[in-house]
């Protein structure tokens, strides 16, 4: 979102502000413009509006409701659709131009994910996995050589990515649950361990791996390192898991059995991986919030359409006050969540602290996604429960993000800690 305020210069508001704030100082025009920049402009730029419209047109043309249902039934995201999305420059949008990107920002990335997900939720999720876990992580942590090696392949759709982070003994408790080890032997690390609930591990070209490299350090947060791992390396076994929703994107277990990783594949500093991966996790919360918001908006779009077309007692469902109030409440909370989302995206784009705001956005967007789908099913009644209608998919796809990638309750603990309370976990 942009900031502005210079249009107020000749108005009475401007004169009033000048009299009050600068009556005792000799303010220059530059000082005044700087002060007025706190006036917020909640519109997107012309280029961003064009980008949003381009995404909408593509999704309407290439991804019909019948195609979405077919993809969901097959439980597999089409490589053809992935390559089409990549060919438009979307995946590489936030990367520097010299590495195949467009030099966009986290705000642009958030906008794309939100718009894709409003039409087809899983497409936005699949986009996130590679653009965030691969692209953004490399863009922040990678050396110039690593960026040259991987970012162009991500941007043009040749590479897909997965984040190998969660382990069987815990999800949100990353530091306490990480048992996967990477031991230096000569010019490579030997990795052993297991990861679970890893999205798209079976189709990924590479993993971003978080592993323990040193158990002897005093600090709880030290002794972890981030690596790039070729997913086809000997010793890696991937097993798909069956699940309720987000079916077109796989969820997997990964087993590492004496997997060799070259030293050159380290991202950032050895034993400092926790401090490195937090930037990825902050970006993850923002981008997860973006596709959850898209899911909420998509559910709301269909609910409104159904409520206008379906009649009961001689009038459209939307004219029944009880149902109208439900939809008004959902719409209000969608708008609230949207403001939180784009504030968090703006903070990260400007390299400002965003852990708390990103967490709040993730909580707000994931909960309104679940609520929007639940209300949609109530408005549609029996039809909402039927597999031939999309509302059941909005519902199934929303559930998991109440607890992933960070549970909303754990997120509230983080927010509580930021308010000055003792750590509650």
Protein backbone atom coordinates (compact mmCIF):
# COMPACT_ATOMS: atom_id res chain seq x y z
CA UNK A 1 0.00 0.00 0.00
CA UNK A 2 1.18 3.52 -0.69
CA UNK A 3 1.50 6.46 1.58
CA UNK A 4 0.64 9.93 0.52
CA UNK A 5 -0.97 13.17 1.58
CA UNK A 6 0.36 15.90 -0.69
CA UNK A 7 -3.09 16.33 -2.21
CA UNK A 8 -4.08 17.99 1.09
CA UNK A 9 -1.59 20.83 0.58
CA UNK A 10 -4.10 23.48 -0.54
CA UNK A 11 -6.99 22.39 1.66
CA UNK A 12 -8.34 23.83 4.87
CA UNK A 13 -7.18 20.67 6.62
CA UNK A 14 -3.63 21.48 5.64
CA UNK A 15 -3.94 25.06 6.89
CA UNK A 16 -5.40 23.93 10.19
CA UNK A 17 -2.64 21.38 10.73
CA UNK A 18 -0.01 23.97 9.87
CA UNK A 19 -1.40 26.52 12.34
CA UNK A 20 -1.54 24.03 15.21
CA UNK A 21 1.61 22.00 14.66
CA UNK A 22 3.99 24.65 13.37
CA UNK A 23 2.87 27.85 15.06
CA UNK A 24 6.08 28.07 17.09
CA UNK A 25 8.55 26.93 14.44
CA UNK A 26 9.46 28.05 10.97
CA UNK A 27 8.49 24.96 9.01
CA UNK A 28 9.71 24.46 5.49
CA UNK A 29 7.50 22.92 2.82
CA UNK A 30 9.65 19.81 3.09
CA UNK A 31 8.90 19.51 6.82
CA UNK A 32 5.20 19.82 6.18
CA UNK A 33 5.17 17.19 3.45
CA UNK A 34 7.08 14.85 5.76
CA UNK A 35 4.51 15.33 8.50
CA UNK A 36 1.59 14.76 6.18
CA UNK A 37 3.01 11.44 4.99
CA UNK A 38 1.45 9.81 8.04
CA UNK A 39 -1.88 10.22 6.25
CA UNK A 40 -2.53 6.72 4.89
CA UNK A 41 -3.66 5.89 1.37
CA UNK A 42 -5.28 2.44 1.31
CA UNK A 43 -5.30 2.09 -2.46
CA UNK A 44 -2.94 -0.02 -4.54
CA UNK A 45 -0.73 1.51 -7.20
CA UNK A 46 -1.87 1.50 -10.82
CA UNK A 47 0.65 -1.25 -11.59
CA UNK A 48 -0.64 -3.37 -8.70
CA UNK A 49 -4.23 -2.96 -9.86
CA UNK A 50 -3.16 -4.09 -13.33
CA UNK A 51 -1.42 -7.08 -11.79
CA UNK A 52 -4.55 -8.03 -9.83
CA UNK A 53 -6.68 -7.81 -12.96
CA UNK A 54 -4.17 -9.91 -14.94
CA UNK A 55 -4.31 -12.62 -12.26
CA UNK A 56 -8.12 -12.59 -12.29
CA UNK A 57 -8.29 -12.86 -16.07
CA UNK A 58 -5.81 -15.73 -16.15
CA UNK A 59 -7.57 -17.69 -13.42
CA UNK A 60 -11.01 -17.22 -15.00
CA UNK A 61 -9.69 -18.32 -18.40
CA UNK A 62 -7.42 -21.21 -17.40
CA UNK A 63 -9.02 -22.58 -14.23
CA UNK A 64 -12.72 -23.34 -14.54
CA UNK A 65 -14.80 -24.67 -11.61
CA UNK A 66 -14.92 -28.06 -13.35
CA UNK A 67 -11.12 -28.07 -13.70
CA UNK A 68 -10.72 -27.21 -10.02
CA UNK A 69 -12.98 -30.12 -9.08
CA UNK A 70 -11.01 -32.44 -11.37
CA UNK A 71 -7.72 -31.38 -9.77
CA UNK A 72 -9.13 -31.86 -6.28
CA UNK A 73 -10.44 -35.32 -7.17
CA UNK A 74 -7.09 -36.39 -8.65
CA UNK A 75 -5.24 -35.00 -5.61
CA UNK A 76 -2.45 -33.70 -7.82
CA UNK A 77 -1.54 -30.20 -8.96
CA UNK A 78 -1.04 -30.13 -12.76
CA UNK A 79 2.49 -29.37 -13.87
CA UNK A 80 1.02 -27.65 -16.92
CA UNK A 81 -0.81 -25.12 -14.71
CA UNK A 82 2.32 -24.53 -12.65
CA UNK A 83 4.37 -23.78 -15.76
CA UNK A 84 1.71 -21.40 -17.09
CA UNK A 85 1.70 -19.50 -13.81
CA UNK A 86 5.50 -19.34 -13.84
CA UNK A 87 5.64 -18.20 -17.47
CA UNK A 88 3.73 -15.05 -16.52
CA UNK A 89 6.51 -14.04 -14.15
CA UNK A 90 4.46 -14.46 -11.00
CA UNK A 91 6.73 -16.86 -9.14
CA UNK A 92 9.83 -14.73 -9.64
CA UNK A 93 8.08 -11.41 -9.09
CA UNK A 94 9.83 -10.53 -5.79
CA UNK A 95 13.33 -11.56 -6.94
CA UNK A 96 15.93 -9.15 -8.37
CA UNK A 97 15.86 -8.80 -12.16
CA UNK A 98 19.43 -10.07 -12.54
CA UNK A 99 18.29 -13.44 -11.15
CA UNK A 100 15.23 -13.79 -13.36
CA UNK A 101 12.76 -11.85 -11.25
CA UNK A 102 10.90 -8.58 -11.65
CA UNK A 103 12.21 -6.69 -8.62
CA UNK A 104 8.81 -6.64 -6.92
CA UNK A 105 8.08 -6.56 -3.22
CA UNK A 106 6.51 -8.75 -0.55
CA UNK A 107 3.37 -6.65 -1.04
CA UNK A 108 3.22 -7.66 -4.71
CA UNK A 109 3.80 -11.30 -3.78
CA UNK A 110 1.04 -11.12 -1.15
CA UNK A 111 -1.33 -9.56 -3.66
CA UNK A 112 -0.72 -12.34 -6.21
CA UNK A 113 -1.21 -15.13 -3.66
CA UNK A 114 -4.40 -13.50 -2.42
CA UNK A 115 -5.89 -13.13 -5.90
CA UNK A 116 -4.92 -16.64 -7.05
CA UNK A 117 -6.35 -18.17 -3.88
CA UNK A 118 -9.62 -16.30 -4.17
CA UNK A 119 -10.25 -18.24 -7.37
CA UNK A 120 -8.47 -21.52 -6.53
CA UNK A 121 -7.08 -21.83 -3.04
CA UNK A 122 -4.58 -24.64 -3.64
CA UNK A 123 -2.98 -22.78 -6.56
CA UNK A 124 -2.07 -19.97 -4.18
CA UNK A 125 -0.72 -22.49 -1.69
CA UNK A 126 1.45 -24.22 -4.30
CA UNK A 127 2.74 -20.83 -5.43
CA UNK A 128 3.74 -19.99 -1.84
CA UNK A 129 5.74 -23.17 -1.32
CA UNK A 130 8.23 -22.37 -4.06
CA UNK A 131 8.15 -18.57 -4.11
CA UNK A 132 8.45 -18.23 -0.32
CA UNK A 133 10.32 -21.30 0.94
CA UNK A 134 12.65 -21.39 -2.05
CA UNK A 135 12.80 -17.95 -3.59
CA UNK A 136 12.43 -15.63 -0.62
CA UNK A 137 14.74 -17.74 1.55
CA UNK A 138 17.48 -17.76 -1.10
CA UNK A 139 16.98 -14.09 -1.84
CA UNK A 140 17.61 -13.22 1.82
CA UNK A 141 20.18 -15.86 2.83
CA UNK A 142 21.81 -16.99 -0.40
CA UNK A 143 25.23 -16.05 -1.69
CA UNK A 144 25.45 -14.53 -5.15
CA UNK A 145 26.48 -17.92 -6.53
CA UNK A 146 23.51 -19.65 -4.87
CA UNK A 147 21.10 -17.04 -6.22
CA UNK A 148 22.49 -17.47 -9.74
CA UNK A 149 22.20 -21.23 -9.44
CA UNK A 150 18.62 -21.48 -8.14
CA UNK A 151 16.53 -18.32 -8.50
CA UNK A 152 16.20 -18.34 -12.29
CA UNK A 153 15.04 -21.95 -12.17
CA UNK A 154 12.44 -21.03 -9.56
CA UNK A 155 11.28 -17.99 -11.53
CA UNK A 156 10.78 -19.87 -14.80
CA UNK A 157 9.04 -22.87 -13.22
CA UNK A 158 11.80 -25.47 -13.62
CA UNK A 159 12.25 -25.88 -9.87
CA UNK A 160 9.67 -26.50 -7.19
CA UNK A 161 10.48 -26.26 -3.52
CA UNK A 162 9.55 -27.59 -0.08
CA UNK A 163 10.46 -26.56 3.46
CA UNK A 164 11.78 -29.53 5.47
CA UNK A 165 11.20 -28.15 8.95
CA UNK A 166 8.52 -29.93 11.03
CA UNK A 167 9.41 -33.18 12.81
CA UNK A 168 7.32 -35.96 14.41
CA UNK A 169 7.98 -34.76 17.98
CA UNK A 170 6.57 -31.28 17.48
CA UNK A 171 5.46 -28.57 15.07
CA UNK A 172 5.44 -25.12 16.65
CA UNK A 173 8.16 -26.21 19.10
CA UNK A 174 10.80 -26.23 16.37
CA UNK A 175 13.83 -25.80 18.61
CA UNK A 176 12.75 -28.45 21.08
CA UNK A 177 11.62 -31.01 18.52
CA UNK A 178 14.37 -30.89 15.87
CA UNK A 179 16.25 -34.20 16.04
CA UNK A 180 17.50 -34.30 12.44
CA UNK A 181 21.28 -33.92 12.50
CA UNK A 182 23.85 -32.72 9.97
CA UNK A 183 27.40 -33.78 10.84
CA UNK A 184 30.41 -32.33 9.01
CA UNK A 185 32.59 -35.00 7.39
CA UNK A 186 35.30 -33.56 5.17
CA UNK A 187 33.74 -31.27 2.56
CA UNK A 188 30.15 -32.37 3.13
CA UNK A 189 27.54 -32.83 5.83
CA UNK A 190 25.94 -36.20 6.56
CA UNK A 191 22.23 -35.82 7.34
CA UNK A 192 20.08 -38.28 9.28
CA UNK A 193 16.56 -37.84 10.58
CA UNK A 194 12.90 -37.48 9.70
CA UNK A 195 10.58 -34.64 8.75
CA UNK A 196 6.80 -34.78 8.62
CA UNK A 197 3.82 -32.78 7.31
CA UNK A 198 6.03 -31.41 4.52
CA UNK A 199 3.99 -29.94 1.68
CA UNK A 200 4.84 -31.00 -1.89
CA UNK A 201 7.97 -32.92 -0.86
CA UNK A 202 7.19 -35.58 -3.46
CA UNK A 203 7.27 -33.12 -6.37
CA UNK A 204 9.94 -30.73 -5.07
CA UNK A 205 13.24 -30.33 -6.88
CA UNK A 206 14.90 -29.03 -3.71
CA UNK A 207 14.28 -28.72 0.01
CA UNK A 208 15.17 -25.95 2.40
CA UNK A 209 16.33 -28.09 5.33
CA UNK A 210 16.59 -27.08 8.99
CA UNK A 211 18.88 -29.41 10.95
CA UNK A 212 20.90 -29.54 14.14
CA UNK A 213 24.64 -29.16 13.54
CA UNK A 214 25.93 -28.63 17.08
CA UNK A 215 24.48 -29.97 20.34
CA UNK A 216 27.19 -28.52 22.56
CA UNK A 217 26.26 -24.83 22.49
CA UNK A 218 24.85 -23.15 25.59
CA UNK A 219 22.19 -21.04 23.92
CA UNK A 220 18.90 -22.81 23.19
CA UNK A 221 18.58 -21.05 19.84
CA UNK A 222 22.08 -21.88 18.59
CA UNK A 223 23.40 -25.01 16.91
CA UNK A 224 21.02 -25.20 13.93
CA UNK A 225 21.86 -24.66 10.27
CA UNK A 226 19.83 -24.13 7.08
CA UNK A 227 20.73 -26.03 3.91
CA UNK A 228 19.62 -26.41 0.31
CA UNK A 229 19.12 -30.12 -0.40
CA UNK A 230 18.67 -31.76 -3.79
CA UNK A 231 15.46 -33.77 -3.36
CA UNK A 232 16.86 -36.56 -5.56
CA UNK A 233 19.92 -37.12 -3.36
CA UNK A 234 20.68 -40.76 -2.46
CA UNK A 235 19.33 -41.66 0.97
CA UNK A 236 16.14 -39.57 0.76
CA UNK A 237 12.79 -41.36 0.96
CA UNK A 238 9.45 -39.54 0.65
CA UNK A 239 6.05 -40.95 1.65
CA UNK A 240 2.72 -39.26 0.91
CA UNK A 241 0.12 -38.96 3.66
CA UNK A 242 -3.67 -39.09 3.25
CA UNK A 243 -5.55 -36.04 4.49
CA UNK A 244 -8.87 -34.19 4.61
CA UNK A 245 -8.25 -31.03 2.58
CA UNK A 246 -5.81 -29.11 0.37
CA UNK A 247 -5.75 -32.34 -1.60
CA UNK A 248 -4.15 -31.05 -4.78
CA UNK A 249 -1.00 -30.32 -2.80
CA UNK A 250 0.63 -33.34 -1.19
CA UNK A 251 1.65 -33.66 2.45
CA UNK A 252 4.58 -35.99 3.07
CA UNK A 253 7.09 -37.54 5.39
CA UNK A 254 10.78 -37.30 4.46
CA UNK A 255 13.40 -39.74 5.71
CA UNK A 256 17.11 -38.82 5.55
CA UNK A 257 19.51 -41.77 5.76
CA UNK A 258 23.18 -40.70 5.48
CA UNK A 259 22.34 -38.01 2.93
CA UNK A 260 25.42 -36.08 1.76
CA UNK A 261 25.08 -32.30 1.45
CA UNK A 262 28.01 -30.23 0.10
CA UNK A 263 29.27 -27.44 2.36
CA UNK A 264 28.48 -24.99 -0.42
CA UNK A 265 24.77 -25.69 0.15
CA UNK A 266 24.72 -23.96 3.53
CA UNK A 267 22.41 -20.94 3.64
CA UNK A 268 23.71 -18.25 5.96
CA UNK A 269 26.00 -19.12 8.85
CA UNK A 270 26.63 -22.49 10.45
CA UNK A 271 24.88 -22.91 13.84
CA UNK A 272 22.95 -19.66 13.30
CA UNK A 273 20.07 -21.24 11.39
CA UNK A 274 17.31 -20.31 13.81
CA UNK A 275 18.00 -16.61 13.35
CA UNK A 276 18.05 -17.13 9.59
CA UNK A 277 14.90 -19.22 9.28
CA UNK A 278 12.79 -16.73 11.24
CA UNK A 279 12.73 -14.39 8.24
CA UNK A 280 11.30 -17.24 6.16
CA UNK A 281 8.76 -18.05 8.89
CA UNK A 282 7.64 -14.42 9.12
CA UNK A 283 7.17 -14.37 5.36
CA UNK A 284 5.35 -17.69 5.61
CA UNK A 285 2.83 -16.28 8.07
CA UNK A 286 2.13 -13.32 5.81
CA UNK A 287 1.76 -15.43 2.68
CA UNK A 288 -0.33 -18.05 4.51
CA UNK A 289 -2.56 -15.21 5.67
CA UNK A 290 -2.83 -14.09 2.04
CA UNK A 291 -4.13 -17.41 0.73
CA UNK A 292 -6.39 -17.91 3.76
CA UNK A 293 -7.90 -14.50 3.04
CA UNK A 294 -8.33 -15.59 -0.59
CA UNK A 295 -10.14 -18.72 0.58
CA UNK A 296 -12.44 -16.56 2.74
CA UNK A 297 -13.14 -14.22 -0.17
CA UNK A 298 -13.79 -17.13 -2.53
CA UNK A 299 -16.22 -18.70 -0.07
CA UNK A 300 -17.93 -15.35 0.40
CA UNK A 301 -18.20 -14.81 -3.36
CA UNK A 302 -19.97 -18.13 -3.80
CA UNK A 303 -22.19 -17.61 -0.76
CA UNK A 304 -23.37 -14.24 -2.09
CA UNK A 305 -24.05 -15.70 -5.53
CA UNK A 306 -26.07 -18.55 -4.02
CA UNK A 307 -27.94 -16.21 -1.65
CA UNK A 308 -29.02 -14.01 -4.57
CA UNK A 309 -30.15 -16.87 -6.81
CA UNK A 310 -31.74 -19.32 -4.35
CA UNK A 311 -35.20 -18.43 -3.10
CA UNK A 312 -37.18 -19.45 -0.04
CA UNK A 313 -40.57 -18.19 1.14
CA UNK A 314 -40.89 -16.27 -2.09
CA UNK A 315 -37.70 -14.22 -1.86
CA UNK A 316 -33.91 -14.62 -2.25
CA UNK A 317 -32.10 -16.11 0.73
CA UNK A 318 -30.09 -12.92 1.05
CA UNK A 319 -33.23 -11.00 2.00
CA UNK A 320 -33.76 -13.15 5.08
CA UNK A 321 -32.40 -11.03 7.91
CA UNK A 322 -30.81 -13.84 9.92
CA UNK A 323 -28.76 -14.98 6.90
CA UNK A 324 -28.03 -11.43 5.81
CA UNK A 325 -26.51 -10.64 9.21
CA UNK A 326 -24.27 -13.71 9.01
CA UNK A 327 -22.94 -12.62 5.63
CA UNK A 328 -22.50 -9.01 6.76
CA UNK A 329 -20.48 -10.20 9.74
CA UNK A 330 -18.21 -12.34 7.55
CA UNK A 331 -17.70 -9.50 5.09
CA UNK A 332 -16.76 -7.12 7.93
CA UNK A 333 -14.20 -9.56 9.32
CA UNK A 334 -12.73 -10.16 5.85
CA UNK A 335 -12.11 -6.43 5.52
CA UNK A 336 -10.54 -6.31 8.99
CA UNK A 337 -8.25 -9.22 8.16
CA UNK A 338 -7.26 -7.63 4.85
CA UNK A 339 -6.01 -4.50 6.61
CA UNK A 340 -3.94 -6.58 9.02
CA UNK A 341 -2.50 -8.63 6.16
CA UNK A 342 -1.32 -5.72 4.06
CA UNK A 343 0.07 -3.88 7.06
CA UNK A 344 2.21 -6.94 7.84
CA UNK A 345 3.28 -7.21 4.19
CA UNK A 346 4.22 -3.52 4.18
CA UNK A 347 6.30 -3.96 7.33
CA UNK A 348 8.27 -6.87 5.88
CA UNK A 349 8.70 -5.14 2.52
CA UNK A 350 10.28 -2.23 4.41
CA UNK A 351 12.46 -4.54 6.55
CA UNK A 352 10.72 -3.60 9.79
CA UNK A 353 9.94 -5.98 12.70
CA UNK A 354 6.94 -8.05 11.69
CA UNK A 355 6.81 -11.18 13.87
CA UNK A 356 3.82 -10.03 15.93
CA UNK A 357 1.93 -8.33 13.09
CA UNK A 358 2.51 -11.30 10.78
CA UNK A 359 1.19 -13.65 13.45
CA UNK A 360 -1.88 -11.48 14.03
CA UNK A 361 -2.57 -11.42 10.30
CA UNK A 362 -2.22 -15.19 10.08
CA UNK A 363 -4.65 -15.71 12.97
CA UNK A 364 -7.21 -13.24 11.61
CA UNK A 365 -7.12 -14.53 8.04
CA UNK A 366 -7.17 -18.24 8.90
CA UNK A 367 -10.08 -17.82 11.30
CA UNK A 368 -12.18 -15.79 8.90
CA UNK A 369 -11.48 -18.38 6.18
CA UNK A 370 -12.95 -21.09 8.41
CA UNK A 371 -15.83 -18.85 9.47
CA UNK A 372 -16.64 -17.81 5.89
CA UNK A 373 -16.80 -21.45 4.79
CA UNK A 374 -18.91 -22.39 7.82
CA UNK A 375 -21.36 -19.56 7.17
CA UNK A 376 -21.43 -20.50 3.50
CA UNK A 377 -22.47 -24.02 4.41
CA UNK A 378 -25.18 -22.66 6.72
CA UNK A 379 -26.57 -20.38 4.02
CA UNK A 380 -26.52 -23.21 1.47
CA UNK A 381 -27.90 -25.72 3.99
CA UNK A 382 -27.95 -29.25 2.53
CA UNK A 383 -26.43 -28.12 -0.77
CA UNK A 384 -23.34 -26.84 1.02
CA UNK A 385 -22.65 -30.34 2.32
CA UNK A 386 -22.71 -31.90 -1.14
CA UNK A 387 -19.47 -32.63 -2.97
CA UNK A 388 -20.81 -31.22 -6.24
CA UNK A 389 -20.74 -27.72 -4.74
CA UNK A 390 -17.46 -25.94 -3.90
CA UNK A 391 -18.35 -24.86 -0.36
CA UNK A 392 -17.31 -28.18 1.14
CA UNK A 393 -13.87 -27.71 -0.42
CA UNK A 394 -13.53 -24.21 1.05
CA UNK A 395 -14.37 -25.74 4.43
CA UNK A 396 -11.95 -28.68 4.10
CA UNK A 397 -9.16 -26.43 2.88
CA UNK A 398 -9.64 -23.95 5.74
CA UNK A 399 -9.50 -26.31 8.71
CA UNK A 400 -5.79 -27.11 8.76
CA UNK A 401 -4.67 -23.49 8.84
CA UNK A 402 -6.16 -22.98 12.28
CA UNK A 403 -3.21 -25.08 13.48
CA UNK A 404 -0.61 -24.69 10.73
CA UNK A 405 2.03 -23.51 10.06
CA UNK A 406 1.77 -22.17 13.61
CA UNK A 407 -1.27 -22.98 15.71
CA UNK A 408 -3.41 -19.93 16.39
CA UNK A 409 -3.23 -20.62 20.11
CA UNK A 410 0.57 -20.66 20.01
CA UNK A 411 0.38 -17.46 17.97
CA UNK A 412 -1.68 -15.85 20.71
CA UNK A 413 1.02 -16.83 23.19
CA UNK A 414 3.55 -14.94 21.06
CA UNK A 415 1.27 -11.89 20.98
CA UNK A 416 0.76 -12.12 24.74
CA UNK A 417 4.51 -12.20 25.25
CA UNK A 418 4.82 -9.03 23.15
CA UNK A 419 2.38 -7.36 25.56
CA UNK A 420 4.84 -7.86 28.40
CA UNK A 421 3.59 -11.11 29.89
CA UNK A 422 5.85 -14.03 30.74
CA UNK A 423 6.36 -16.68 28.09
CA UNK A 424 3.32 -18.97 28.32
CA UNK A 425 4.68 -22.04 26.54
